[in-house]
N, C-alpha and C. Protein backbone atom coordinates (compact mmCIF):
# COMPACT_ATOMS: atom_id res chain seq x y z
N UNK A 1 90.06 129.72 98.70
CA UNK A 1 91.00 128.62 99.49
C UNK A 1 92.29 128.52 98.86
N UNK A 2 93.03 128.03 99.67
CA UNK A 2 94.38 127.78 98.93
C UNK A 2 94.82 126.11 98.82
N UNK A 3 94.73 125.75 97.59
CA UNK A 3 94.73 124.38 97.31
C UNK A 3 96.22 123.79 97.14
N UNK A 4 96.85 123.05 97.91
CA UNK A 4 98.24 122.37 97.69
C UNK A 4 97.93 120.96 97.37
N UNK A 5 98.75 121.04 95.88
CA UNK A 5 98.76 119.73 95.33
C UNK A 5 99.86 118.71 95.25
N UNK A 6 99.96 117.61 95.90
CA UNK A 6 100.97 116.72 95.85
C UNK A 6 100.90 115.59 95.04
N UNK A 7 101.95 115.09 94.28
CA UNK A 7 101.77 113.90 93.26
C UNK A 7 102.80 113.16 93.54
N UNK A 8 102.43 111.67 93.36
CA UNK A 8 103.19 110.64 93.72
C UNK A 8 103.95 109.85 92.77
N UNK A 9 105.05 109.71 92.78
CA UNK A 9 105.81 108.73 91.64
C UNK A 9 106.67 107.71 92.44
N UNK A 10 106.86 106.34 91.98
CA UNK A 10 107.50 105.30 92.53
C UNK A 10 107.50 104.06 91.76
N UNK A 11 108.73 103.40 91.97
CA UNK A 11 108.88 102.24 91.27
C UNK A 11 107.55 101.25 91.52
N UNK A 12 107.27 100.84 90.24
CA UNK A 12 106.04 99.63 90.53
C UNK A 12 106.11 98.70 91.87
N UNK A 13 107.41 98.20 92.01
CA UNK A 13 107.62 97.43 93.28
C UNK A 13 108.49 98.01 94.25
N UNK A 14 107.80 98.31 95.06
CA UNK A 14 108.94 99.09 96.32
C UNK A 14 109.62 97.89 96.89
N UNK A 15 110.46 98.15 97.71
CA UNK A 15 111.61 96.96 98.19
C UNK A 15 110.78 96.81 99.27
N UNK A 16 110.30 97.62 100.40
CA UNK A 16 109.29 97.17 101.56
C UNK A 16 108.09 97.99 101.70
N UNK A 17 107.11 97.31 101.43
CA UNK A 17 105.88 98.00 101.58
C UNK A 17 105.60 98.76 102.76
N UNK A 18 106.02 97.91 103.95
CA UNK A 18 105.80 98.38 105.43
C UNK A 18 106.60 99.62 105.77
N UNK A 19 108.02 99.68 105.26
CA UNK A 19 108.80 100.89 105.34
C UNK A 19 108.32 102.05 104.69
N UNK A 20 107.58 101.46 103.40
CA UNK A 20 107.25 102.75 102.55
C UNK A 20 106.04 103.46 103.31
N UNK A 21 105.01 102.81 103.92
CA UNK A 21 103.90 103.26 104.58
C UNK A 21 103.98 103.68 105.88
N UNK A 22 105.28 103.32 106.73
CA UNK A 22 105.84 103.79 107.85
C UNK A 22 106.46 105.24 107.67
N UNK A 23 107.13 105.44 106.50
CA UNK A 23 107.92 106.64 106.18
C UNK A 23 106.82 107.76 105.77
N UNK A 24 105.63 107.17 105.13
CA UNK A 24 104.88 108.02 104.26
C UNK A 24 103.80 108.72 105.42
N UNK A 25 103.24 107.91 106.27
CA UNK A 25 102.12 108.38 107.17
C UNK A 25 102.53 109.58 107.88
N UNK A 26 103.41 109.89 108.62
CA UNK A 26 103.79 111.13 109.46
C UNK A 26 103.75 112.18 108.27
N UNK A 27 104.26 112.08 107.05
CA UNK A 27 104.26 113.27 106.17
C UNK A 27 102.55 113.72 105.82
N UNK A 28 101.99 112.72 105.52
CA UNK A 28 100.75 112.78 105.14
C UNK A 28 99.89 113.38 106.58
N UNK A 29 99.95 113.08 107.43
CA UNK A 29 99.43 113.69 108.78
C UNK A 29 99.78 115.32 108.98
N UNK A 30 101.20 115.22 108.64
CA UNK A 30 101.65 116.67 108.61
C UNK A 30 101.15 117.73 107.70
N UNK A 31 101.15 117.19 106.37
CA UNK A 31 100.33 117.94 105.52
C UNK A 31 99.07 118.11 105.44
N UNK A 32 98.17 117.42 106.26
CA UNK A 32 96.82 117.49 106.20
C UNK A 32 96.63 118.46 107.59
N UNK A 33 97.49 118.45 108.39
CA UNK A 33 97.28 119.34 109.59
C UNK A 33 97.66 120.52 109.35
N UNK A 34 98.59 120.96 108.11
CA UNK A 34 99.24 122.08 107.85
C UNK A 34 98.68 122.82 106.94
N UNK A 35 97.78 122.31 105.90
CA UNK A 35 97.58 122.65 104.88
C UNK A 35 96.10 122.94 104.74
N UNK A 36 95.39 124.05 104.12
CA UNK A 36 93.96 124.58 104.29
C UNK A 36 93.32 123.33 103.40
N UNK A 37 93.90 123.05 102.15
CA UNK A 37 93.02 121.91 101.34
C UNK A 37 94.28 121.34 100.49
N UNK A 38 93.96 119.80 100.34
CA UNK A 38 95.22 119.26 99.71
C UNK A 38 94.31 118.34 98.59
N UNK A 39 95.11 118.47 97.61
CA UNK A 39 94.86 117.14 96.54
C UNK A 39 95.81 116.46 96.37
N UNK A 40 95.76 114.97 96.55
CA UNK A 40 96.77 114.20 96.38
C UNK A 40 96.50 113.29 95.27
N UNK A 41 97.46 113.39 94.12
CA UNK A 41 97.42 113.05 92.76
C UNK A 41 98.14 111.66 92.87
N UNK A 42 97.28 110.72 92.47
CA UNK A 42 97.99 109.23 92.26
C UNK A 42 97.58 108.61 90.89
N UNK A 43 98.40 107.62 90.64
CA UNK A 43 98.26 106.79 89.58
C UNK A 43 97.71 105.46 89.98
N UNK A 44 97.79 104.57 89.08
CA UNK A 44 97.44 103.06 89.35
C UNK A 44 98.16 102.10 88.60
N UNK A 45 99.47 102.25 88.64
CA UNK A 45 100.33 101.73 87.73
C UNK A 45 101.11 100.46 88.32
N UNK A 46 101.02 100.40 89.90
CA UNK A 46 101.74 99.16 90.54
C UNK A 46 101.55 99.25 92.02
N UNK A 47 102.47 98.51 92.48
CA UNK A 47 101.99 98.31 94.12
C UNK A 47 102.52 99.80 94.76
N UNK A 48 103.46 100.11 94.19
CA UNK A 48 103.78 101.69 94.99
C UNK A 48 102.33 102.48 95.14
N UNK A 49 101.70 102.87 93.89
CA UNK A 49 100.47 103.36 93.92
C UNK A 49 99.34 102.85 94.60
N UNK A 50 99.36 101.44 94.98
CA UNK A 50 98.42 101.08 95.57
C UNK A 50 98.68 101.29 97.07
N UNK A 51 100.09 101.11 97.68
CA UNK A 51 100.22 101.30 99.06
C UNK A 51 100.11 103.07 99.19
N UNK A 52 100.34 103.84 98.31
CA UNK A 52 100.00 105.34 98.61
C UNK A 52 98.59 105.55 98.67
N UNK A 53 97.92 104.78 97.70
CA UNK A 53 96.38 105.08 97.93
C UNK A 53 95.63 104.88 99.35
N UNK A 54 96.28 103.50 99.64
CA UNK A 54 95.68 102.77 100.93
C UNK A 54 96.27 104.05 102.21
N UNK A 55 97.31 104.53 101.96
CA UNK A 55 98.03 105.44 103.13
C UNK A 55 97.07 106.60 103.13
N UNK A 56 96.74 107.01 102.00
CA UNK A 56 95.94 108.47 101.95
C UNK A 56 94.45 108.24 102.62
N UNK A 57 94.00 106.98 102.22
CA UNK A 57 92.85 106.70 102.51
C UNK A 57 92.99 106.52 104.40
N UNK A 58 93.91 105.94 104.77
CA UNK A 58 94.18 106.00 106.31
C UNK A 58 94.04 106.88 106.87
N UNK A 59 95.04 107.96 106.16
CA UNK A 59 95.36 109.22 106.71
C UNK A 59 94.02 110.26 106.96
N UNK A 60 93.36 110.18 105.60
CA UNK A 60 92.35 110.84 105.56
C UNK A 60 91.22 110.52 106.73
N UNK A 61 90.92 109.19 106.85
CA UNK A 61 90.16 108.94 107.86
C UNK A 61 90.61 109.39 109.14
N UNK A 62 91.94 109.38 109.56
CA UNK A 62 92.50 109.69 110.72
C UNK A 62 92.66 110.99 111.07
N UNK A 63 92.95 111.95 110.15
CA UNK A 63 93.38 113.30 110.55
C UNK A 63 92.68 114.29 109.57
N UNK A 64 92.08 113.89 108.56
CA UNK A 64 91.23 114.95 107.81
C UNK A 64 90.12 115.44 108.37
N UNK A 65 89.60 116.77 107.99
CA UNK A 65 88.46 117.40 108.21
C UNK A 65 87.64 118.02 107.14
N UNK A 66 87.43 117.27 106.05
CA UNK A 66 87.09 117.58 104.87
C UNK A 66 87.67 118.43 104.05
N UNK A 67 89.40 118.30 104.30
CA UNK A 67 90.46 119.03 103.65
C UNK A 67 91.14 118.20 102.51
N UNK A 68 90.60 117.24 102.08
CA UNK A 68 91.69 116.27 101.50
C UNK A 68 90.75 115.76 100.39
N UNK A 69 91.56 115.79 98.99
CA UNK A 69 91.01 115.06 98.09
C UNK A 69 91.76 114.15 97.54
N UNK A 70 91.57 112.94 97.29
CA UNK A 70 92.23 111.67 96.68
C UNK A 70 91.79 111.64 95.34
N UNK A 71 92.71 111.75 94.49
CA UNK A 71 92.47 111.91 92.85
C UNK A 71 93.20 110.77 92.43
N UNK A 72 92.75 109.88 91.45
CA UNK A 72 93.10 109.30 90.46
C UNK A 72 93.19 109.84 89.35
N UNK A 73 94.47 110.07 88.54
CA UNK A 73 94.72 110.53 87.18
C UNK A 73 95.22 109.14 86.42
N UNK A 74 94.33 108.94 85.30
CA UNK A 74 94.67 108.03 84.52
C UNK A 74 95.11 108.60 83.33
N UNK A 75 96.17 107.88 82.71
CA UNK A 75 96.56 108.30 81.23
C UNK A 75 95.64 108.60 79.94
N UNK A 76 94.55 107.63 80.40
CA UNK A 76 93.66 107.36 79.19
C UNK A 76 92.44 106.60 79.84
N UNK A 77 91.34 106.49 79.29
CA UNK A 77 90.29 105.54 79.65
C UNK A 77 90.67 104.15 79.50
N UNK A 78 90.61 103.46 80.45
CA UNK A 78 91.25 102.03 80.68
C UNK A 78 89.87 101.30 80.71
N UNK A 79 90.01 99.99 80.40
CA UNK A 79 89.11 99.08 80.42
C UNK A 79 88.51 98.82 81.55
N UNK A 80 89.67 98.45 82.68
CA UNK A 80 89.08 98.29 84.18
C UNK A 80 88.52 99.36 84.49
N UNK A 81 88.65 100.87 84.28
CA UNK A 81 87.88 102.07 84.94
C UNK A 81 86.55 101.70 84.30
N UNK A 82 86.30 101.72 82.72
CA UNK A 82 85.17 101.53 82.06
C UNK A 82 84.47 100.73 82.69
N UNK A 83 84.73 99.64 82.98
CA UNK A 83 83.97 98.25 83.27
C UNK A 83 83.60 98.46 84.90
N UNK A 84 84.31 99.24 85.60
CA UNK A 84 84.08 99.28 87.22
C UNK A 84 83.82 100.38 87.54
N UNK A 85 83.39 101.58 86.87
CA UNK A 85 83.53 102.99 87.17
C UNK A 85 83.08 103.36 88.27
N UNK A 86 81.83 102.52 89.07
CA UNK A 86 81.25 102.76 90.19
C UNK A 86 82.39 102.29 91.47
N UNK A 87 83.00 101.35 91.38
CA UNK A 87 84.00 101.10 92.38
C UNK A 87 85.25 102.04 92.24
N UNK A 88 85.55 102.57 91.20
CA UNK A 88 86.55 103.35 91.31
C UNK A 88 85.95 104.70 91.91
N UNK A 89 84.85 105.10 91.44
CA UNK A 89 84.41 106.26 92.20
C UNK A 89 83.94 106.20 93.74
N UNK A 90 83.96 105.28 94.32
CA UNK A 90 83.81 104.98 95.60
C UNK A 90 85.19 105.01 96.47
N UNK A 91 86.17 104.30 95.50
CA UNK A 91 87.59 104.33 96.33
C UNK A 91 88.28 105.45 96.33
N UNK A 92 88.25 106.51 95.07
CA UNK A 92 88.74 107.78 95.08
C UNK A 92 87.75 108.81 95.04
N UNK A 93 88.23 109.93 95.63
CA UNK A 93 87.30 110.99 95.63
C UNK A 93 86.85 111.63 93.92
N UNK A 94 87.93 111.31 93.29
CA UNK A 94 87.78 111.96 91.95
C UNK A 94 88.50 110.99 91.05
N UNK A 95 87.91 110.81 89.71
CA UNK A 95 88.97 110.22 88.78
C UNK A 95 88.91 110.97 87.60
N UNK A 96 90.42 111.40 87.08
CA UNK A 96 90.44 112.24 86.03
C UNK A 96 90.96 111.28 85.16
N UNK A 97 90.72 111.79 83.82
CA UNK A 97 91.52 111.20 82.69
C UNK A 97 92.26 112.33 81.87
N UNK A 98 93.64 112.20 81.97
CA UNK A 98 94.43 113.39 81.60
C UNK A 98 94.57 113.44 80.08
N UNK A 99 93.78 114.60 79.79
CA UNK A 99 93.94 114.95 78.38
C UNK A 99 94.87 114.78 77.35
N UNK A 100 96.06 115.49 78.06
CA UNK A 100 97.25 115.46 77.08
C UNK A 100 97.74 114.03 76.97
N UNK A 101 97.63 113.26 77.92
CA UNK A 101 98.27 111.82 77.61
C UNK A 101 97.20 110.78 77.18
N UNK A 102 96.12 111.29 77.20
CA UNK A 102 94.79 110.58 76.32
C UNK A 102 95.12 110.79 74.88
N UNK A 103 95.85 111.89 74.37
CA UNK A 103 96.08 112.35 73.29
C UNK A 103 97.22 111.88 72.34
N UNK A 104 98.09 111.28 73.62
CA UNK A 104 99.52 110.92 73.16
C UNK A 104 99.70 109.36 72.69
N UNK A 105 100.83 108.89 72.14
CA UNK A 105 101.13 107.81 71.62
C UNK A 105 100.82 106.74 72.84
N UNK A 106 100.22 105.75 72.79
CA UNK A 106 100.15 104.73 73.95
C UNK A 106 101.34 104.53 74.85
N UNK A 107 102.37 104.20 73.97
CA UNK A 107 103.76 104.04 74.61
C UNK A 107 104.03 105.29 75.35
N UNK A 108 103.73 106.45 75.20
CA UNK A 108 104.12 108.00 75.82
C UNK A 108 103.26 108.26 76.73
N UNK A 109 102.00 107.66 76.84
CA UNK A 109 101.10 108.07 77.48
C UNK A 109 101.31 108.39 79.17
N UNK A 110 101.99 107.10 79.73
CA UNK A 110 101.87 107.52 81.21
C UNK A 110 103.01 108.49 81.52
N UNK A 111 104.18 108.55 80.73
CA UNK A 111 105.04 109.49 81.08
C UNK A 111 104.41 110.91 80.64
N UNK A 112 103.50 111.12 79.56
CA UNK A 112 102.82 112.49 79.79
C UNK A 112 101.85 112.50 80.87
N UNK A 113 101.13 111.75 81.10
CA UNK A 113 100.60 111.84 82.49
C UNK A 113 101.21 112.44 83.47
N UNK A 114 102.44 111.57 83.81
CA UNK A 114 103.23 112.01 84.91
C UNK A 114 103.83 113.29 84.69
N UNK A 115 103.78 113.86 83.66
CA UNK A 115 104.58 115.43 83.25
C UNK A 115 103.40 116.30 83.95
N UNK A 116 102.13 115.85 83.68
CA UNK A 116 101.19 116.96 83.69
C UNK A 116 100.88 116.89 85.26
N UNK A 117 101.19 115.83 85.86
CA UNK A 117 100.70 115.61 87.36
C UNK A 117 102.13 116.55 88.04
N UNK A 118 103.24 116.30 87.50
CA UNK A 118 104.39 117.16 87.84
C UNK A 118 103.99 118.75 87.98
N UNK A 119 103.66 119.00 86.78
CA UNK A 119 103.31 120.57 86.81
C UNK A 119 102.46 121.06 87.40
N UNK A 120 101.32 120.21 87.89
CA UNK A 120 100.18 120.77 88.76
C UNK A 120 100.64 120.70 90.23
N UNK A 121 101.92 120.01 90.54
CA UNK A 121 102.19 119.89 91.75
C UNK A 121 102.76 121.05 92.41
N UNK A 122 102.58 120.92 93.79
CA UNK A 122 103.44 121.78 94.53
C UNK A 122 104.62 120.89 95.45
N UNK A 123 104.45 119.88 95.41
CA UNK A 123 105.12 118.89 96.13
C UNK A 123 105.12 117.55 95.49
N UNK A 124 106.44 116.82 95.27
CA UNK A 124 106.51 115.52 94.68
C UNK A 124 107.04 114.82 95.87
N UNK A 125 106.04 113.42 96.24
CA UNK A 125 106.59 112.51 97.06
C UNK A 125 106.85 111.31 96.43
N UNK A 126 107.95 110.71 96.27
CA UNK A 126 108.38 109.78 95.70
C UNK A 126 109.10 108.61 96.48
N UNK A 127 109.57 107.34 95.80
CA UNK A 127 110.05 106.24 96.40
C UNK A 127 111.06 105.92 95.30
N UNK A 128 112.15 106.72 94.85
CA UNK A 128 113.04 106.30 94.05
C UNK A 128 114.36 105.65 94.44
N UNK A 129 114.53 104.49 94.04
CA UNK A 129 115.89 103.75 94.36
C UNK A 129 116.93 103.47 93.36
N UNK A 130 116.44 103.44 92.21
CA UNK A 130 117.28 103.60 91.06
C UNK A 130 117.15 104.60 89.87
N UNK A 131 118.32 104.88 89.27
CA UNK A 131 118.27 105.78 88.10
C UNK A 131 117.70 105.38 86.95
N UNK A 132 116.56 104.79 86.89
CA UNK A 132 115.89 104.40 85.31
C UNK A 132 114.51 104.16 85.84
N UNK A 133 113.85 104.16 84.61
CA UNK A 133 112.38 103.93 84.68
C UNK A 133 111.50 104.90 84.80
N UNK A 134 110.22 104.90 84.46
CA UNK A 134 109.17 106.09 84.32
C UNK A 134 109.20 106.84 85.44
N UNK A 135 109.13 106.31 86.60
CA UNK A 135 109.35 107.03 87.99
C UNK A 135 110.54 107.78 88.11
N UNK A 136 111.34 107.53 87.78
CA UNK A 136 112.70 108.16 87.97
C UNK A 136 112.64 109.35 86.99
N UNK A 137 112.27 108.95 85.57
CA UNK A 137 112.06 110.02 84.76
C UNK A 137 111.05 111.31 85.05
N UNK A 138 110.02 110.74 85.68
CA UNK A 138 109.11 111.64 86.50
C UNK A 138 109.57 112.63 87.41
N UNK A 139 110.60 112.08 88.11
CA UNK A 139 110.96 112.92 89.21
C UNK A 139 112.16 114.07 88.71
N UNK A 140 112.69 113.29 87.63
CA UNK A 140 114.07 114.22 86.97
C UNK A 140 113.00 115.31 86.25
N UNK A 141 112.11 114.98 85.57
CA UNK A 141 111.09 116.35 85.12
C UNK A 141 110.69 117.12 86.19
N UNK A 142 110.60 116.69 87.17
CA UNK A 142 109.80 117.63 88.39
C UNK A 142 110.93 118.50 88.91
N UNK A 143 112.20 117.86 88.91
CA UNK A 143 113.52 118.54 89.52
C UNK A 143 113.92 119.77 88.70
N UNK A 144 113.47 119.37 87.19
CA UNK A 144 113.86 120.49 86.29
C UNK A 144 112.75 121.41 86.49
N UNK A 145 111.85 121.39 86.89
CA UNK A 145 110.83 122.50 87.07
C UNK A 145 110.88 123.09 88.76
N UNK A 146 112.03 122.66 89.00
CA UNK A 146 112.20 123.27 90.64
C UNK A 146 111.29 122.78 91.53
N UNK A 147 110.53 121.72 91.32
CA UNK A 147 109.49 121.37 92.44
C UNK A 147 110.04 120.77 93.54
N UNK A 148 109.52 120.99 94.77
CA UNK A 148 110.22 120.38 96.20
C UNK A 148 109.72 118.82 96.06
N UNK A 149 110.77 118.01 96.15
CA UNK A 149 110.83 116.35 96.25
C UNK A 149 111.10 116.04 97.64
N UNK A 150 110.40 115.05 97.96
CA UNK A 150 110.72 114.13 99.11
C UNK A 150 110.62 112.82 98.64
N UNK A 151 112.16 112.24 98.91
CA UNK A 151 112.15 110.77 98.33
C UNK A 151 112.09 110.02 99.44
N UNK A 152 111.18 109.17 99.64
CA UNK A 152 111.03 108.33 100.96
C UNK A 152 112.15 107.23 101.18
N UNK A 153 112.84 106.99 99.86
CA UNK A 153 113.93 106.02 99.96
C UNK A 153 115.22 106.52 100.59
N UNK A 154 115.00 107.85 100.60
CA UNK A 154 116.29 108.83 101.50
C UNK A 154 115.76 108.87 102.78
N UNK A 155 114.89 108.52 103.39
CA UNK A 155 114.26 109.10 104.72
C UNK A 155 115.18 108.04 105.75
């Protein structure tokens, strides 16, 4: 089976949640309809990640036929996951703790996790509106790897 992997990066607070979801849904629909199997890799570090996860769940319910995996990638084991493991595992298809970032200094862990997600991805979907911050750095890293990037802020 051919697995197509998509990673998501965005600023913690998107300028418009409604516009973000409106731009994202047709892309998710097309990916689900065109690919044999898709892994959607998401974080849980702000509103952007919450909007993306919600959109993935909606698209999966509407368009998927068993060909989608919604994967939360944590930089290390967090207390909210440890204390609520069952609810996390009900919301996401899988929860992974990135080994490389779990071994990094806490201040570097999220960027290390983002690097690993970018390395693994065939496609990066982002919402980058300014040229600073962790999401911007992750997308610049993905560009340096030659990854295909869709910036929802530019649609």
